[in-house]
Amino acid sequence: MKTTALALAGALSAATMTLTAAPALADGHVEKANKLSIDNTIEELMSDKASAAVLEKHLPGIGSHMMYDFFKGMTLKELAPQSGGQVTEETIAKIASDLKAL
């Protein structure tokens, strides 16, 4: 019983350290350890409010595109050759710059 209690105490201590390791922001959200970049999938970028705004700025309607479910697991570089010229290297560079500024 004593061993179980010690193991539980250790697990709770580790869980508390894990939960408090990431700094909380004023609005209650936890700050991301790594900034999002063009190397993330479109779905990952769209799941973050700020990076989604960047994508929508340069690629209006990307989040509501009828093929979103098809390309959401791709990076912008993977999508570019299949986009019919809508996702260009220039656009990707602008998105990368804006994401770095977040």
Protein backbone atom coordinates (compact mmCIF):
# COMPACT_ATOMS: atom_id res chain seq x y z
CA MET A 1 0.00 0.00 0.00
CA LYS A 2 2.85 2.36 0.87
CA THR A 3 4.49 1.69 -2.52
CA THR A 4 1.24 2.42 -4.33
CA ALA A 5 0.81 5.69 -2.46
CA LEU A 6 4.36 6.74 -3.31
CA ALA A 7 3.87 5.80 -6.96
CA LEU A 8 0.63 7.79 -7.08
CA ALA A 9 2.28 10.79 -5.44
CA GLY A 10 5.12 10.62 -7.95
CA ALA A 11 2.68 10.38 -10.86
CA LEU A 12 0.68 13.35 -9.60
CA SER A 13 3.85 15.36 -9.13
CA ALA A 14 4.98 14.56 -12.68
CA ALA A 15 1.52 15.43 -14.05
CA THR A 16 1.54 18.74 -12.20
CA MET A 17 4.98 19.58 -13.59
CA THR A 18 3.79 18.73 -17.10
CA LEU A 19 0.68 20.89 -16.78
CA THR A 20 2.59 23.86 -15.42
CA ALA A 21 5.56 23.63 -17.79
CA ALA A 22 3.91 25.62 -20.59
CA PRO A 23 3.30 29.29 -19.78
CA ALA A 24 -0.33 30.40 -19.77
CA LEU A 25 -1.31 33.48 -21.74
CA ALA A 26 -3.61 36.23 -20.45
CA ASP A 27 -6.60 34.78 -22.28
CA GLY A 28 -6.07 31.39 -20.62
CA HIS A 29 -4.62 29.61 -23.64
CA VAL A 30 -1.35 27.78 -23.31
CA GLU A 31 1.51 29.18 -25.37
CA LYS A 32 2.76 26.83 -28.07
CA ALA A 33 6.28 25.55 -27.55
CA ASN A 34 7.10 25.89 -31.24
CA LYS A 35 5.81 28.53 -33.59
CA LEU A 36 3.88 27.30 -36.56
CA SER A 37 5.59 27.54 -39.94
CA ILE A 38 5.08 26.56 -43.56
CA ASP A 39 6.44 23.15 -42.58
CA ASN A 40 3.23 22.46 -40.64
CA THR A 41 0.21 20.96 -42.35
CA ILE A 42 -2.56 23.23 -43.51
CA GLU A 43 -4.84 21.70 -40.88
CA GLU A 44 -2.34 22.57 -38.13
CA LEU A 45 -2.06 26.11 -39.44
CA MET A 46 -5.83 26.46 -39.65
CA SER A 47 -6.28 25.19 -36.08
CA ASP A 48 -4.50 28.28 -34.74
CA LYS A 49 -6.43 31.56 -34.98
CA ALA A 50 -3.43 33.74 -35.86
CA SER A 51 -1.90 31.42 -38.45
CA ALA A 52 -5.35 30.76 -39.96
CA ALA A 53 -5.71 34.52 -40.46
CA VAL A 54 -2.36 34.55 -42.27
CA LEU A 55 -3.47 31.75 -44.60
CA GLU A 56 -6.81 33.42 -45.28
CA LYS A 57 -5.02 36.72 -46.00
CA HIS A 58 -2.87 35.18 -48.72
CA LEU A 59 -5.20 32.36 -49.84
CA PRO A 60 -8.74 33.69 -49.29
CA GLY A 61 -11.27 30.92 -48.71
CA ILE A 62 -8.71 28.17 -48.06
CA GLY A 63 -10.48 27.08 -44.87
CA SER A 64 -13.83 26.70 -46.60
CA HIS A 65 -12.53 25.30 -49.90
CA MET A 66 -14.56 22.33 -51.13
CA MET A 67 -11.37 20.22 -51.33
CA TYR A 68 -10.14 21.20 -47.85
CA ASP A 69 -10.53 17.66 -46.50
CA PHE A 70 -8.36 16.42 -49.36
CA PHE A 71 -5.44 18.82 -48.84
CA LYS A 72 -5.61 19.65 -45.12
CA GLY A 73 -2.94 17.05 -44.31
CA MET A 74 -0.48 18.59 -46.76
CA THR A 75 2.02 21.37 -46.28
CA LEU A 76 1.82 24.40 -48.55
CA LYS A 77 4.82 23.14 -50.51
CA GLU A 78 3.07 19.81 -51.09
CA LEU A 79 -0.13 21.55 -52.15
CA ALA A 80 1.54 24.02 -54.55
CA PRO A 81 2.01 21.65 -57.53
CA GLN A 82 -1.61 20.53 -57.26
CA SER A 83 -3.13 24.00 -56.81
CA GLY A 84 -3.35 25.05 -60.43
CA GLY A 85 -1.08 28.02 -59.77
CA GLN A 86 -3.04 29.33 -56.79
CA VAL A 87 -0.29 28.46 -54.30
CA THR A 88 2.95 29.88 -55.65
CA GLU A 89 6.46 30.05 -54.21
CA GLU A 90 5.94 33.79 -53.82
CA THR A 91 2.74 33.24 -51.82
CA ILE A 92 4.44 30.62 -49.65
CA ALA A 93 7.32 33.06 -48.96
CA LYS A 94 4.85 35.77 -47.89
CA ILE A 95 3.02 33.32 -45.63
CA ALA A 96 6.33 32.17 -44.12
CA SER A 97 7.29 35.77 -43.39
CA ASP A 98 3.95 36.55 -41.76
CA LEU A 99 4.07 33.35 -39.66
CA LYS A 100 7.53 34.25 -38.38
CA ALA A 101 6.19 37.63 -37.30
CA LEU A 102 3.50 36.06 -35.09
